[in-house]
Amino acid sequence: MKHLVQENQPKTLVIDLSAVIMMDMDGDKILDKIYRELHKKNVQLLLVNVGRDNLELMRKTGTLEKIGSQNVYKTVRAAVAAAQKAAGE
């Protein structure tokens, strides 16, 4: 992912978590690390299809607060529309 971000220099990265049925602490730590790396590069992270239990874990660990609950969407379409709106497209 690091390579893709460096090459393409996106303003936003959308991650669809629909395949993640149950996130553990390792998954939460990885999301936190991704967020921190993107934040350093001024790239916004948007999450999609997070799931109730995963959101609860992220709340407890503080990861959701870092990423921002406003950056969690139900659909990829909604996340992409928000990213386009923020970019003025």
PDB file of N, CA and C in Angstrom:
ATOM      1  N   MET A   1       0.825  -1.190   0.000  1.00  0.00           N
ATOM      2  CA  MET A   1       0.000   0.000   0.000  1.00  0.00           C
ATOM      3  C   MET A   1       0.870   1.254   0.000  1.00  0.00           C
ATOM      4  N   LYS A   2       1.936   1.228   0.767  1.00  0.00           N
ATOM      5  CA  LYS A   2       2.836   2.373   0.842  1.00  0.00           C
ATOM      6  C   LYS A   2       3.314   2.779  -0.546  1.00  0.00           C
ATOM      7  N   HIS A   3       3.669   1.774  -1.331  1.00  0.00           N
ATOM      8  CA  HIS A   3       4.160   2.000  -2.685  1.00  0.00           C
ATOM      9  C   HIS A   3       3.085   2.660  -3.556  1.00  0.00           C
ATOM     10  N   LEU A   4       1.849   2.176  -3.443  1.00  0.00           N
ATOM     11  CA  LEU A   4       0.747   2.745  -4.229  1.00  0.00           C
ATOM     12  C   LEU A   4       0.484   4.199  -3.860  1.00  0.00           C
ATOM     13  N   VAL A   5       0.553   4.505  -2.577  1.00  0.00           N
ATOM     14  CA  VAL A   5       0.317   5.875  -2.126  1.00  0.00           C
ATOM     15  C   VAL A   5       1.423   6.791  -2.631  1.00  0.00           C
ATOM     16  N   GLN A   6       2.664   6.332  -2.548  1.00  0.00           N
ATOM     17  CA  GLN A   6       3.788   7.151  -3.017  1.00  0.00           C
ATOM     18  C   GLN A   6       3.700   7.393  -4.520  1.00  0.00           C
ATOM     19  N   GLU A   7       3.349   6.358  -5.265  1.00  0.00           N
ATOM     20  CA  GLU A   7       3.280   6.471  -6.725  1.00  0.00           C
ATOM     21  C   GLU A   7       2.134   7.361  -7.191  1.00  0.00           C
ATOM     22  N   ASN A   8       0.960   7.175  -6.605  1.00  0.00           N
ATOM     23  CA  ASN A   8      -0.251   7.829  -7.096  1.00  0.00           C
ATOM     24  C   ASN A   8      -0.618   9.108  -6.356  1.00  0.00           C
ATOM     25  N   GLN A   9      -0.089   9.308  -5.187  1.00  0.00           N
ATOM     26  CA  GLN A   9      -0.357  10.474  -4.354  1.00  0.00           C
ATOM     27  C   GLN A   9      -1.851  10.812  -4.271  1.00  0.00           C
ATOM     28  N   PRO A  10      -2.650   9.860  -3.772  1.00  0.00           N
ATOM     29  CA  PRO A  10      -4.093  10.123  -3.655  1.00  0.00           C
ATOM     30  C   PRO A  10      -4.384  11.114  -2.532  1.00  0.00           C
ATOM     31  N   LYS A  11      -5.563  11.701  -2.598  1.00  0.00           N
ATOM     32  CA  LYS A  11      -6.017  12.579  -1.522  1.00  0.00           C
ATOM     33  C   LYS A  11      -6.809  11.789  -0.491  1.00  0.00           C
ATOM     34  N   THR A  12      -7.388  10.668  -0.953  1.00  0.00           N
ATOM     35  CA  THR A  12      -8.238   9.846  -0.100  1.00  0.00           C
ATOM     36  C   THR A  12      -8.014   8.378  -0.421  1.00  0.00           C
ATOM     37  N   LEU A  13      -8.086   7.533   0.617  1.00  0.00           N
ATOM     38  CA  LEU A  13      -8.032   6.087   0.439  1.00  0.00           C
ATOM     39  C   LEU A  13      -9.278   5.504   1.079  1.00  0.00           C
ATOM     40  N   VAL A  14     -10.017   4.704   0.316  1.00  0.00           N
ATOM     41  CA  VAL A  14     -11.229   4.051   0.812  1.00  0.00           C
ATOM     42  C   VAL A  14     -10.909   2.575   1.018  1.00  0.00           C
ATOM     43  N   ILE A  15     -11.155   2.094   2.225  1.00  0.00           N
ATOM     44  CA  ILE A  15     -10.950   0.679   2.527  1.00  0.00           C
ATOM     45  C   ILE A  15     -12.305   0.055   2.839  1.00  0.00           C
ATOM     46  N   ASP A  16     -12.665  -0.970   2.071  1.00  0.00           N
ATOM     47  CA  ASP A  16     -13.919  -1.699   2.259  1.00  0.00           C
ATOM     48  C   ASP A  16     -13.641  -2.899   3.160  1.00  0.00           C
ATOM     49  N   LEU A  17     -14.237  -2.898   4.333  1.00  0.00           N
ATOM     50  CA  LEU A  17     -14.016  -3.957   5.314  1.00  0.00           C
ATOM     51  C   LEU A  17     -15.139  -4.992   5.329  1.00  0.00           C
ATOM     52  N   SER A  18     -15.896  -5.100   4.250  1.00  0.00           N
ATOM     53  CA  SER A  18     -17.036  -6.018   4.238  1.00  0.00           C
ATOM     54  C   SER A  18     -16.616  -7.475   4.412  1.00  0.00           C
ATOM     55  N   ALA A  19     -15.403  -7.824   4.034  1.00  0.00           N
ATOM     56  CA  ALA A  19     -14.927  -9.205   4.196  1.00  0.00           C
ATOM     57  C   ALA A  19     -14.402  -9.475   5.604  1.00  0.00           C
ATOM     58  N   VAL A  20     -14.280  -8.427   6.427  1.00  0.00           N
ATOM     59  CA  VAL A  20     -13.764  -8.580   7.790  1.00  0.00           C
ATOM     60  C   VAL A  20     -14.946  -8.805   8.723  1.00  0.00           C
ATOM     61  N   ILE A  21     -15.240 -10.051   8.992  1.00  0.00           N
ATOM     62  CA  ILE A  21     -16.393 -10.380   9.820  1.00  0.00           C
ATOM     63  C   ILE A  21     -16.116 -10.047  11.280  1.00  0.00           C
ATOM     64  N   MET A  22     -14.916 -10.396  11.743  1.00  0.00           N
ATOM     65  CA  MET A  22     -14.566 -10.110  13.135  1.00  0.00           C
ATOM     66  C   MET A  22     -13.105  -9.658  13.198  1.00  0.00           C
ATOM     67  N   MET A  23     -12.916  -8.415  13.575  1.00  0.00           N
ATOM     68  CA  MET A  23     -11.576  -7.855  13.690  1.00  0.00           C
ATOM     69  C   MET A  23     -11.034  -8.141  15.092  1.00  0.00           C
ATOM     70  N   ASP A  24      -9.750  -8.481  15.148  1.00  0.00           N
ATOM     71  CA  ASP A  24      -9.106  -8.663  16.445  1.00  0.00           C
ATOM     72  C   ASP A  24      -8.189  -7.472  16.709  1.00  0.00           C
ATOM     73  N   MET A  25      -7.456  -7.526  17.789  1.00  0.00           N
ATOM     74  CA  MET A  25      -6.579  -6.414  18.161  1.00  0.00           C
ATOM     75  C   MET A  25      -5.500  -6.173  17.101  1.00  0.00           C
ATOM     76  N   ASP A  26      -5.029  -7.242  16.466  1.00  0.00           N
ATOM     77  CA  ASP A  26      -4.024  -7.068  15.412  1.00  0.00           C
ATOM     78  C   ASP A  26      -4.596  -6.267  14.249  1.00  0.00           C
ATOM     79  N   GLY A  27      -5.828  -6.582  13.865  1.00  0.00           N
ATOM     80  CA  GLY A  27      -6.482  -5.839  12.793  1.00  0.00           C
ATOM     81  C   GLY A  27      -6.674  -4.379  13.152  1.00  0.00           C
ATOM     82  N   ASP A  28      -7.050  -4.135  14.385  1.00  0.00           N
ATOM     83  CA  ASP A  28      -7.217  -2.766  14.860  1.00  0.00           C
ATOM     84  C   ASP A  28      -5.889  -2.021  14.817  1.00  0.00           C
ATOM     85  N   LYS A  29      -4.819  -2.676  15.236  1.00  0.00           N
ATOM     86  CA  LYS A  29      -3.486  -2.055  15.221  1.00  0.00           C
ATOM     87  C   LYS A  29      -3.051  -1.737  13.790  1.00  0.00           C
ATOM     88  N   ILE A  30      -3.380  -2.623  12.870  1.00  0.00           N
ATOM     89  CA  ILE A  30      -3.029  -2.387  11.468  1.00  0.00           C
ATOM     90  C   ILE A  30      -3.781  -1.177  10.931  1.00  0.00           C
ATOM     91  N   LEU A  31      -5.067  -1.074  11.229  1.00  0.00           N
ATOM     92  CA  LEU A  31      -5.834   0.100  10.794  1.00  0.00           C
ATOM     93  C   LEU A  31      -5.260   1.380  11.385  1.00  0.00           C
ATOM     94  N   ASP A  32      -4.872   1.327  12.648  1.00  0.00           N
ATOM     95  CA  ASP A  32      -4.272   2.485  13.300  1.00  0.00           C
ATOM     96  C   ASP A  32      -2.968   2.866  12.597  1.00  0.00           C
ATOM     97  N   LYS A  33      -2.159   1.881  12.266  1.00  0.00           N
ATOM     98  CA  LYS A  33      -0.888   2.138  11.584  1.00  0.00           C
ATOM     99  C   LYS A  33      -1.125   2.734  10.196  1.00  0.00           C
ATOM    100  N   ILE A  34      -2.090   2.176   9.468  1.00  0.00           N
ATOM    101  CA  ILE A  34      -2.426   2.710   8.143  1.00  0.00           C
ATOM    102  C   ILE A  34      -2.874   4.161   8.273  1.00  0.00           C
ATOM    103  N   TYR A  35      -3.735   4.412   9.252  1.00  0.00           N
ATOM    104  CA  TYR A  35      -4.213   5.776   9.465  1.00  0.00           C
ATOM    105  C   TYR A  35      -3.040   6.729   9.715  1.00  0.00           C
ATOM    106  N   ARG A  36      -2.148   6.351  10.619  1.00  0.00           N
ATOM    107  CA  ARG A  36      -1.017   7.230  10.963  1.00  0.00           C
ATOM    108  C   ARG A  36      -0.120   7.506   9.756  1.00  0.00           C
ATOM    109  N   GLU A  37       0.157   6.471   8.962  1.00  0.00           N
ATOM    110  CA  GLU A  37       0.998   6.647   7.778  1.00  0.00           C
ATOM    111  C   GLU A  37       0.322   7.564   6.754  1.00  0.00           C
ATOM    112  N   LEU A  38      -0.976   7.375   6.543  1.00  0.00           N
ATOM    113  CA  LEU A  38      -1.700   8.211   5.595  1.00  0.00           C
ATOM    114  C   LEU A  38      -1.809   9.644   6.100  1.00  0.00           C
ATOM    115  N   HIS A  39      -2.050   9.789   7.399  1.00  0.00           N
ATOM    116  CA  HIS A  39      -2.194  11.114   8.001  1.00  0.00           C
ATOM    117  C   HIS A  39      -0.921  11.946   7.797  1.00  0.00           C
ATOM    118  N   LYS A  40       0.238  11.309   7.929  1.00  0.00           N
ATOM    119  CA  LYS A  40       1.514  11.993   7.704  1.00  0.00           C
ATOM    120  C   LYS A  40       1.625  12.531   6.281  1.00  0.00           C
ATOM    121  N   LYS A  41       0.979  11.837   5.352  1.00  0.00           N
ATOM    122  CA  LYS A  41       1.041  12.222   3.936  1.00  0.00           C
ATOM    123  C   LYS A  41      -0.173  13.053   3.504  1.00  0.00           C
ATOM    124  N   ASN A  42      -0.987  13.470   4.494  1.00  0.00           N
ATOM    125  CA  ASN A  42      -2.206  14.250   4.234  1.00  0.00           C
ATOM    126  C   ASN A  42      -3.189  13.513   3.332  1.00  0.00           C
ATOM    127  N   VAL A  43      -3.288  12.209   3.528  1.00  0.00           N
ATOM    128  CA  VAL A  43      -4.247  11.385   2.792  1.00  0.00           C
ATOM    129  C   VAL A  43      -5.360  11.000   3.755  1.00  0.00           C
ATOM    130  N   GLN A  44      -6.595  11.275   3.368  1.00  0.00           N
ATOM    131  CA  GLN A  44      -7.746  10.961   4.215  1.00  0.00           C
ATOM    132  C   GLN A  44      -8.086   9.479   4.092  1.00  0.00           C
ATOM    133  N   LEU A  45      -8.389   8.844   5.206  1.00  0.00           N
ATOM    134  CA  LEU A  45      -8.801   7.444   5.231  1.00  0.00           C
ATOM    135  C   LEU A  45     -10.300   7.358   5.465  1.00  0.00           C
ATOM    136  N   LEU A  46     -10.987   6.662   4.562  1.00  0.00           N
ATOM    137  CA  LEU A  46     -12.419   6.412   4.708  1.00  0.00           C
ATOM    138  C   LEU A  46     -12.619   4.907   4.810  1.00  0.00           C
ATOM    139  N   LEU A  47     -13.439   4.488   5.755  1.00  0.00           N
ATOM    140  CA  LEU A  47     -13.738   3.069   5.937  1.00  0.00           C
ATOM    141  C   LEU A  47     -15.173   2.788   5.548  1.00  0.00           C
ATOM    142  N   VAL A  48     -15.384   1.604   4.983  1.00  0.00           N
ATOM    143  CA  VAL A  48     -16.713   1.207   4.511  1.00  0.00           C
ATOM    144  C   VAL A  48     -17.045  -0.185   5.052  1.00  0.00           C
ATOM    145  N   ASN A  49     -18.312  -0.401   5.351  1.00  0.00           N
ATOM    146  CA  ASN A  49     -18.793  -1.719   5.800  1.00  0.00           C
ATOM    147  C   ASN A  49     -18.001  -2.241   6.996  1.00  0.00           C
ATOM    148  N   VAL A  50     -17.870  -1.421   8.011  1.00  0.00           N
ATOM    149  CA  VAL A  50     -17.028  -1.780   9.146  1.00  0.00           C
ATOM    150  C   VAL A  50     -17.660  -2.860  10.026  1.00  0.00           C
ATOM    151  N   GLY A  51     -18.932  -2.813  10.230  1.00  0.00           N
ATOM    152  CA  GLY A  51     -19.595  -3.802  11.082  1.00  0.00           C
ATOM    153  C   GLY A  51     -19.663  -3.328  12.524  1.00  0.00           C
ATOM    154  N   ARG A  52     -20.757  -3.647  13.183  1.00  0.00           N
ATOM    155  CA  ARG A  52     -21.024  -3.167  14.538  1.00  0.00           C
ATOM    156  C   ARG A  52     -19.962  -3.602  15.548  1.00  0.00           C
ATOM    157  N   ASP A  53     -19.609  -4.885  15.545  1.00  0.00           N
ATOM    158  CA  ASP A  53     -18.618  -5.380  16.502  1.00  0.00           C
ATOM    159  C   ASP A  53     -17.243  -4.763  16.254  1.00  0.00           C
ATOM    160  N   ASN A  54     -16.895  -4.602  14.988  1.00  0.00           N
ATOM    161  CA  ASN A  54     -15.609  -3.993  14.658  1.00  0.00           C
ATOM    162  C   ASN A  54     -15.572  -2.523  15.079  1.00  0.00           C
ATOM    163  N   LEU A  55     -16.683  -1.831  14.878  1.00  0.00           N
ATOM    164  CA  LEU A  55     -16.771  -0.440  15.325  1.00  0.00           C
ATOM    165  C   LEU A  55     -16.605  -0.342  16.844  1.00  0.00           C
ATOM    166  N   GLU A  56     -17.213  -1.272  17.551  1.00  0.00           N
ATOM    167  CA  GLU A  56     -17.117  -1.266  19.009  1.00  0.00           C
ATOM    168  C   GLU A  56     -15.672  -1.481  19.462  1.00  0.00           C
ATOM    169  N   LEU A  57     -14.971  -2.402  18.818  1.00  0.00           N
ATOM    170  CA  LEU A  57     -13.558  -2.614  19.146  1.00  0.00           C
ATOM    171  C   LEU A  57     -12.757  -1.345  18.866  1.00  0.00           C
ATOM    172  N   MET A  58     -13.012  -0.728  17.729  1.00  0.00           N
ATOM    173  CA  MET A  58     -12.293   0.497  17.359  1.00  0.00           C
ATOM    174  C   MET A  58     -12.601   1.632  18.340  1.00  0.00           C
ATOM    175  N   ARG A  59     -13.815   1.666  18.857  1.00  0.00           N
ATOM    176  CA  ARG A  59     -14.174   2.674  19.869  1.00  0.00           C
ATOM    177  C   ARG A  59     -13.366   2.449  21.149  1.00  0.00           C
ATOM    178  N   LYS A  60     -13.328   1.199  21.584  1.00  0.00           N
ATOM    179  CA  LYS A  60     -12.638   0.863  22.833  1.00  0.00           C
ATOM    180  C   LYS A  60     -11.148   1.146  22.769  1.00  0.00           C
ATOM    181  N   THR A  61     -10.549   0.946  21.615  1.00  0.00           N
ATOM    182  CA  THR A  61      -9.094   1.131  21.488  1.00  0.00           C
ATOM    183  C   THR A  61      -8.702   2.564  21.139  1.00  0.00           C
ATOM    184  N   GLY A  62      -9.687   3.382  20.739  1.00  0.00           N
ATOM    185  CA  GLY A  62      -9.395   4.763  20.360  1.00  0.00           C
ATOM    186  C   GLY A  62      -9.106   4.950  18.877  1.00  0.00           C
ATOM    187  N   THR A  63      -9.073   3.852  18.136  1.00  0.00           N
ATOM    188  CA  THR A  63      -8.797   3.943  16.700  1.00  0.00           C
ATOM    189  C   THR A  63      -9.892   4.703  15.977  1.00  0.00           C
ATOM    190  N   LEU A  64     -11.135   4.483  16.363  1.00  0.00           N
ATOM    191  CA  LEU A  64     -12.250   5.185  15.716  1.00  0.00           C
ATOM    192  C   LEU A  64     -12.151   6.687  15.944  1.00  0.00           C
ATOM    193  N   GLU A  65     -11.752   7.088  17.134  1.00  0.00           N
ATOM    194  CA  GLU A  65     -11.608   8.512  17.424  1.00  0.00           C
ATOM    195  C   GLU A  65     -10.533   9.139  16.540  1.00  0.00           C
ATOM    196  N   LYS A  66      -9.432   8.421  16.324  1.00  0.00           N
ATOM    197  CA  LYS A  66      -8.359   8.931  15.460  1.00  0.00           C
ATOM    198  C   LYS A  66      -8.834   9.068  14.021  1.00  0.00           C
ATOM    199  N   ILE A  67      -9.438   8.007  13.505  1.00  0.00           N
ATOM    200  CA  ILE A  67      -9.896   8.013  12.113  1.00  0.00           C
ATOM    201  C   ILE A  67     -11.061   8.979  11.950  1.00  0.00           C
ATOM    202  N   GLY A  68     -11.925   9.023  12.945  1.00  0.00           N
ATOM    203  CA  GLY A  68     -13.096   9.897  12.921  1.00  0.00           C
ATOM    204  C   GLY A  68     -14.328   9.141  12.467  1.00  0.00           C
ATOM    205  N   SER A  69     -15.350   9.139  13.287  1.00  0.00           N
ATOM    206  CA  SER A  69     -16.586   8.415  12.946  1.00  0.00           C
ATOM    207  C   SER A  69     -17.243   8.991  11.694  1.00  0.00           C
ATOM    208  N   GLN A  70     -16.940  10.264  11.387  1.00  0.00           N
ATOM    209  CA  GLN A  70     -17.482  10.866  10.171  1.00  0.00           C
ATOM    210  C   GLN A  70     -16.837  10.278   8.917  1.00  0.00           C
ATOM    211  N   ASN A  71     -15.778   9.496   9.088  1.00  0.00           N
ATOM    212  CA  ASN A  71     -15.088   8.884   7.956  1.00  0.00           C
ATOM    213  C   ASN A  71     -15.430   7.407   7.794  1.00  0.00           C
ATOM    214  N   VAL A  72     -16.537   6.994   8.403  1.00  0.00           N
ATOM    215  CA  VAL A  72     -17.033   5.624   8.282  1.00  0.00           C
ATOM    216  C   VAL A  72     -18.345   5.669   7.506  1.00  0.00           C
ATOM    217  N   TYR A  73     -18.421   4.878   6.439  1.00  0.00           N
ATOM    218  CA  TYR A  73     -19.584   4.889   5.550  1.00  0.00           C
ATOM    219  C   TYR A  73     -20.164   3.488   5.404  1.00  0.00           C
ATOM    220  N   LYS A  74     -21.441   3.446   5.047  1.00  0.00           N
ATOM    221  CA  LYS A  74     -22.113   2.156   4.845  1.00  0.00           C
ATOM    222  C   LYS A  74     -21.798   1.556   3.482  1.00  0.00           C
ATOM    223  N   THR A  75     -21.574   2.415   2.485  1.00  0.00           N
ATOM    224  CA  THR A  75     -21.332   1.908   1.134  1.00  0.00           C
ATOM    225  C   THR A  75     -20.096   2.569   0.518  1.00  0.00           C
ATOM    226  N   VAL A  76     -19.489   1.864  -0.415  1.00  0.00           N
ATOM    227  CA  VAL A  76     -18.355   2.414  -1.147  1.00  0.00           C
ATOM    228  C   VAL A  76     -18.816   3.634  -1.929  1.00  0.00           C
ATOM    229  N   ARG A  77     -19.988   3.553  -2.517  1.00  0.00           N
ATOM    230  CA  ARG A  77     -20.529   4.667  -3.295  1.00  0.00           C
ATOM    231  C   ARG A  77     -20.622   5.945  -2.456  1.00  0.00           C
ATOM    232  N   ALA A  78     -21.100   5.816  -1.222  1.00  0.00           N
ATOM    233  CA  ALA A  78     -21.220   6.983  -0.341  1.00  0.00           C
ATOM    234  C   ALA A  78     -19.839   7.535   0.022  1.00  0.00           C
ATOM    235  N   ALA A  79     -18.874   6.664   0.268  1.00  0.00           N
ATOM    236  CA  ALA A  79     -17.519   7.107   0.612  1.00  0.00           C
ATOM    237  C   ALA A  79     -16.869   7.812  -0.575  1.00  0.00           C
ATOM    238  N   VAL A  80     -17.023   7.250  -1.752  1.00  0.00           N
ATOM    239  CA  VAL A  80     -16.436   7.865  -2.948  1.00  0.00           C
ATOM    240  C   VAL A  80     -17.094   9.212  -3.233  1.00  0.00           C
ATOM    241  N   ALA A  81     -18.410   9.291  -3.070  1.00  0.00           N
ATOM    242  CA  ALA A  81     -19.110  10.559  -3.282  1.00  0.00           C
ATOM    243  C   ALA A  81     -18.600  11.617  -2.295  1.00  0.00           C
ATOM    244  N   ALA A  82     -18.385  11.227  -1.046  1.00  0.00           N
ATOM    245  CA  ALA A  82     -17.872  12.179  -0.045  1.00  0.00           C
ATOM    246  C   ALA A  82     -16.456  12.633  -0.411  1.00  0.00           C
ATOM    247  N   ALA A  83     -15.639  11.701  -0.879  1.00  0.00           N
ATOM    248  CA  ALA A  83     -14.266  12.036  -1.273  1.00  0.00           C
ATOM    249  C   ALA A  83     -14.267  12.981  -2.465  1.00  0.00           C
ATOM    250  N   GLN A  84     -15.139  12.730  -3.425  1.00  0.00           N
ATOM    251  CA  GLN A  84     -15.225  13.595  -4.602  1.00  0.00           C
ATOM    252  C   GLN A  84     -15.710  14.986  -4.212  1.00  0.00           C
ATOM    253  N   LYS A  85     -16.675  15.043  -3.327  1.00  0.00           N
ATOM    254  CA  LYS A  85     -17.199  16.324  -2.866  1.00  0.00           C
ATOM    255  C   LYS A  85     -16.102  17.116  -2.155  1.00  0.00           C
ATOM    256  N   ALA A  86     -15.337  16.429  -1.305  1.00  0.00           N
ATOM    257  CA  ALA A  86     -14.245  17.102  -0.579  1.00  0.00           C
ATOM    258  C   ALA A  86     -13.159  17.600  -1.525  1.00  0.00           C
ATOM    259  N   ALA A  87     -12.968  16.882  -2.628  1.00  0.00           N
ATOM    260  CA  ALA A  87     -11.948  17.270  -3.605  1.00  0.00           C
ATOM    261  C   ALA A  87     -12.466  18.309  -4.599  1.00  0.00           C
ATOM    262  N   GLY A  88     -13.763  18.597  -4.517  1.00  0.00           N
ATOM    263  CA  GLY A  88     -14.357  19.588  -5.407  1.00  0.00           C
ATOM    264  C   GLY A  88     -14.630  19.067  -6.801  1.00  0.00           C
ATOM    265  N   GLU A  89     -14.811  17.771  -6.926  1.00  0.00           N
ATOM    266  CA  GLU A  89     -15.088  17.172  -8.238  1.00  0.00           C
ATOM    267  C   GLU A  89     -16.560  17.089  -8.514  1.00  0.00           C
TER     268      GLU A  89
END
